[in-house]
Protein backbone atom coordinates (compact mmCIF):
# COMPACT_ATOMS: atom_id res chain seq x y z
CA MET A 1 -85.76 -74.76 -28.11
CA TYR A 2 -89.65 -75.53 -28.26
CA ARG A 3 -90.55 -76.67 -24.92
CA PRO A 4 -94.30 -78.02 -23.77
CA PRO A 5 -94.60 -77.65 -20.51
CA HIS A 6 -94.88 -81.52 -19.42
CA PHE A 7 -90.82 -81.12 -20.73
CA ASP A 8 -89.73 -77.60 -19.46
CA ILE A 9 -86.81 -77.91 -16.80
CA ASP A 10 -85.97 -74.60 -15.43
CA ASP A 11 -84.31 -75.87 -12.03
CA PRO A 12 -80.87 -74.20 -11.80
CA SER A 13 -79.63 -77.52 -10.02
CA THR A 14 -80.68 -79.64 -12.15
CA LEU A 15 -79.74 -77.67 -15.41
CA ASN A 16 -76.36 -77.01 -13.94
CA ASP A 17 -75.80 -80.84 -12.94
CA PHE A 18 -76.52 -82.10 -16.43
CA MET A 19 -74.21 -79.18 -18.03
CA ARG A 20 -71.55 -80.55 -15.98
CA GLN A 21 -71.92 -84.28 -16.84
CA GLN A 22 -72.52 -83.66 -20.68
CA SER A 23 -69.87 -81.38 -20.72
CA PHE A 24 -68.72 -82.25 -24.55
CA ALA A 25 -71.21 -79.43 -26.11
CA LEU A 26 -71.83 -78.12 -29.62
CA LEU A 27 -71.26 -74.69 -29.85
CA ILE A 28 -73.03 -72.53 -32.59
CA SER A 29 -72.59 -69.39 -33.79
CA ASN A 30 -73.18 -66.74 -36.83
CA VAL A 31 -69.75 -66.98 -38.91
CA ASP A 32 -69.72 -64.73 -42.22
CA GLY A 33 -73.57 -64.95 -42.37
CA VAL A 34 -73.78 -68.53 -41.76
CA PRO A 35 -74.64 -71.07 -38.82
CA PHE A 36 -70.96 -72.58 -37.65
CA ALA A 37 -70.61 -75.06 -35.19
CA SER A 38 -67.92 -76.63 -33.38
CA HIS A 39 -67.73 -79.86 -31.05
CA ILE A 40 -65.68 -79.01 -27.63
CA PRO A 41 -65.63 -79.64 -24.18
CA LEU A 42 -66.85 -76.93 -21.95
CA LEU A 43 -66.56 -76.48 -18.32
CA LEU A 44 -69.32 -75.04 -16.19
CA GLU A 45 -67.99 -72.85 -13.42
CA ASP A 46 -70.31 -70.28 -10.70
CA VAL A 47 -68.95 -66.96 -11.15
CA GLY A 48 -69.60 -65.71 -7.28
CA GLU A 49 -72.52 -65.07 -5.17
CA GLY A 50 -76.03 -63.80 -7.07
CA SER A 51 -74.96 -65.68 -10.20
CA ARG A 52 -77.91 -67.88 -11.16
CA HIS A 53 -76.35 -69.32 -14.45
CA GLY A 54 -72.39 -69.01 -13.69
CA ARG A 55 -70.14 -69.18 -16.90
CA LEU A 56 -68.73 -71.86 -19.25
CA ILE A 57 -64.86 -71.83 -20.19
CA GLY A 58 -63.34 -73.57 -23.37
CA HIS A 59 -60.85 -72.86 -26.18
CA LEU A 60 -61.22 -73.26 -29.82
CA ALA A 61 -58.01 -74.08 -32.26
CA LYS A 62 -56.88 -70.83 -33.64
CA ALA A 63 -56.99 -71.65 -36.85
CA ASN A 64 -60.62 -72.27 -36.36
CA ASN A 65 -62.47 -68.72 -37.17
CA GLN A 66 -65.21 -69.14 -35.37
CA TRP A 67 -63.27 -67.40 -32.32
CA GLN A 68 -63.33 -64.32 -34.24
CA GLY A 69 -66.86 -63.56 -33.58
CA PHE A 70 -66.34 -63.73 -29.62
CA ASP A 71 -66.02 -60.00 -29.02
CA GLY A 72 -68.94 -59.71 -25.82
CA THR A 73 -72.08 -58.84 -27.58
CA ALA A 74 -72.93 -61.31 -30.24
CA GLU A 75 -74.96 -64.08 -28.84
CA VAL A 76 -73.91 -67.76 -29.20
CA LEU A 77 -75.66 -71.15 -28.41
CA VAL A 78 -74.68 -73.90 -26.72
CA VAL A 79 -76.50 -77.44 -26.79
CA PHE A 80 -75.66 -80.28 -24.20
CA TRP A 81 -77.29 -83.65 -24.65
CA GLY A 82 -77.39 -86.95 -23.18
CA PRO A 83 -78.94 -90.29 -23.66
CA HIS A 84 -82.18 -90.64 -26.50
CA ALA A 85 -84.01 -93.34 -27.88
CA TYR A 86 -86.76 -94.15 -30.08
CA ILE A 87 -89.79 -95.21 -28.33
CA SER A 88 -92.19 -97.76 -30.46
CA PRO A 89 -95.85 -97.66 -30.41
CA ASN A 90 -95.92 -101.43 -29.47
CA TRP A 91 -94.44 -101.04 -26.28
CA TYR A 92 -97.28 -99.09 -24.87
CA ALA A 93 -100.39 -100.02 -23.06
CA SER A 94 -102.90 -97.69 -25.46
CA GLU A 95 -103.90 -98.31 -28.99
CA LYS A 96 -103.34 -96.01 -31.70
CA MET A 97 -100.37 -94.58 -30.60
CA VAL A 98 -97.53 -93.27 -32.63
CA PRO A 99 -93.61 -93.74 -33.04
CA THR A 100 -91.74 -90.69 -30.91
CA TRP A 101 -88.13 -90.08 -29.74
CA ASN A 102 -87.17 -89.57 -25.89
CA TYR A 103 -84.49 -87.29 -25.05
CA VAL A 104 -82.72 -85.09 -22.49
CA THR A 105 -80.93 -81.94 -23.82
CA VAL A 106 -79.77 -78.53 -22.35
CA HIS A 107 -79.05 -74.98 -24.34
CA ALA A 108 -77.54 -72.05 -23.17
CA TYR A 109 -77.03 -68.49 -23.93
CA GLY A 110 -74.34 -66.12 -23.91
CA LYS A 111 -72.18 -63.91 -25.38
CA PRO A 112 -68.39 -65.06 -25.43
CA LYS A 113 -65.59 -62.93 -24.55
CA LEU A 114 -61.88 -64.11 -25.36
CA ILE A 115 -59.05 -64.64 -22.68
CA SER A 116 -55.67 -63.20 -23.64
CA ASP A 117 -53.92 -63.84 -20.44
CA PRO A 118 -51.57 -66.78 -21.25
CA THR A 119 -51.14 -67.70 -17.49
CA GLU A 120 -55.20 -68.15 -17.52
CA THR A 121 -55.62 -69.67 -20.69
CA ALA A 122 -52.74 -73.00 -19.31
CA GLU A 123 -54.97 -72.78 -16.38
CA ILE A 124 -57.86 -73.49 -18.24
CA LEU A 125 -56.41 -76.37 -20.00
CA ARG A 126 -54.96 -77.51 -16.62
CA ARG A 127 -58.48 -78.00 -15.48
CA LEU A 128 -60.33 -79.52 -18.43
CA THR A 129 -57.30 -82.11 -17.96
CA ASP A 130 -58.09 -82.34 -14.35
CA THR A 131 -61.96 -82.90 -14.62
CA TYR A 132 -61.56 -85.83 -17.25
CA GLU A 133 -58.15 -87.62 -15.94
CA ASN A 134 -58.69 -90.41 -13.41
CA ASP A 135 -57.23 -93.29 -11.83
CA ALA A 136 -58.71 -95.41 -15.18
CA THR A 137 -56.51 -92.99 -17.50
CA GLY A 138 -53.75 -92.69 -15.24
CA ASN A 139 -54.06 -88.93 -14.32
CA TRP A 140 -52.17 -87.49 -16.47
CA SER A 141 -50.72 -84.19 -15.52
CA MET A 142 -49.75 -81.10 -18.04
CA ASP A 143 -46.86 -80.76 -15.38
CA VAL A 144 -45.10 -83.66 -17.10
CA LEU A 145 -45.05 -81.12 -20.52
CA GLY A 146 -42.86 -78.36 -19.01
CA ASP A 147 -43.41 -74.48 -19.39
CA GLU A 148 -41.75 -74.26 -22.88
CA PHE A 149 -43.40 -76.96 -24.22
CA ILE A 150 -46.67 -75.43 -22.84
CA GLU A 151 -45.98 -71.91 -23.98
CA LYS A 152 -45.67 -73.35 -27.56
CA GLN A 153 -48.73 -75.19 -27.59
CA LEU A 154 -50.76 -71.91 -25.90
CA LYS A 155 -49.85 -70.32 -29.59
CA GLY A 156 -52.28 -72.72 -31.74
CA ILE A 157 -55.32 -72.12 -29.21
CA VAL A 158 -57.58 -69.33 -28.59
CA ALA A 159 -59.50 -69.42 -24.84
CA PHE A 160 -62.53 -67.96 -24.22
CA GLU A 161 -65.16 -67.33 -21.46
CA LEU A 162 -69.14 -67.51 -21.80
CA PRO A 163 -71.03 -65.90 -19.25
CA ILE A 164 -74.54 -67.94 -19.16
CA ASP A 165 -77.63 -64.81 -19.71
CA ARG A 166 -80.25 -67.85 -19.91
CA VAL A 167 -80.56 -71.68 -19.73
CA GLN A 168 -83.36 -73.74 -21.08
CA GLY A 169 -83.70 -77.46 -20.07
CA LYS A 170 -86.04 -80.12 -22.12
CA PHE A 171 -86.11 -83.82 -20.61
CA LYS A 172 -88.58 -85.74 -23.20
CA LEU A 173 -89.11 -88.63 -21.17
CA SER A 174 -92.76 -89.92 -21.64
CA GLN A 175 -94.53 -87.32 -19.00
CA ASN A 176 -97.59 -86.67 -21.03
CA ARG A 177 -98.44 -90.47 -21.14
CA LYS A 178 -100.37 -92.79 -19.05
CA LEU A 179 -98.53 -94.58 -16.37
CA GLU A 180 -99.26 -98.27 -17.83
CA ASP A 181 -97.78 -96.79 -21.23
CA ARG A 182 -94.72 -95.66 -19.23
CA ARG A 183 -94.31 -98.51 -17.71
CA GLY A 184 -94.50 -100.36 -21.44
CA ALA A 185 -91.70 -98.04 -22.95
CA ILE A 186 -89.23 -98.55 -20.32
CA GLN A 187 -89.19 -102.15 -20.34
CA GLY A 188 -89.08 -102.05 -24.01
CA LEU A 189 -86.04 -100.00 -23.61
CA LEU A 190 -84.49 -102.35 -21.79
CA ASP A 191 -85.44 -105.18 -23.33
CA SER A 192 -83.81 -103.85 -26.47
CA GLY A 193 -80.44 -104.54 -25.78
CA ASP A 194 -79.37 -101.17 -26.26
CA ALA A 195 -76.75 -99.36 -23.54
CA GLU A 196 -77.86 -95.79 -24.78
CA ALA A 197 -81.84 -97.08 -24.69
CA ALA A 198 -80.93 -98.69 -20.77
CA GLU A 199 -79.57 -95.18 -19.99
CA VAL A 200 -83.29 -93.47 -21.16
CA ALA A 201 -84.98 -96.25 -19.34
CA GLN A 202 -83.16 -95.45 -16.33
CA LEU A 203 -84.04 -91.89 -16.02
CA MET A 204 -87.81 -92.49 -17.59
CA THR A 205 -87.86 -94.89 -14.22
CA GLY A 206 -86.24 -91.72 -11.86
CA ILE A 207 -89.58 -89.61 -12.70
CA LEU A 208 -92.25 -92.09 -12.70
CA PRO A 209 -95.22 -90.81 -10.69
CA THR A 210 -94.93 -92.54 -6.75
CA GLU A 211 -98.07 -94.83 -6.15
CA ASP A 212 -99.73 -94.63 -3.36
């Protein structure tokens, strides 16, 4: 990923927090000589002392051929993305500026390996469910399904783990612009009335330099 110094993020805690918060990811690999992508939720977990990046765990439908290349030797790319928005030159205080797009993303690289143990696969599904269930959704649990039903469902999926070898972060939030231009862009985003633009404005506000 192209990462100019202004936008490069390499703090492990920042990257890990982002992957946990934006856990619906794009998993990209090579299938039969061409790029192939799946949109799936992935959970980031620590894998012991000394692990800087941890590992991702998830599953694919067995009918999805992408998993057949997960032999622990072929590298894949996982893309996590957050809010993004168009930035109009009209919002800047400076003249003769050009449009741009602000966004935040993290790319993780690793070599996925299949998980064959059905007990571990079921545990991954439980952890995924527990992560996304809450009071608003009614705290649904797999326990209501029964062991026999779960066992049948497991036959239709393939679980995997992806130890992260390297991770890159890019938070493009107008850090390379003058303070008055950044403030103008923030106000423009807020005035747009768009919810995602407001999220970008909040991120931009959070990294504004402190004024003496």
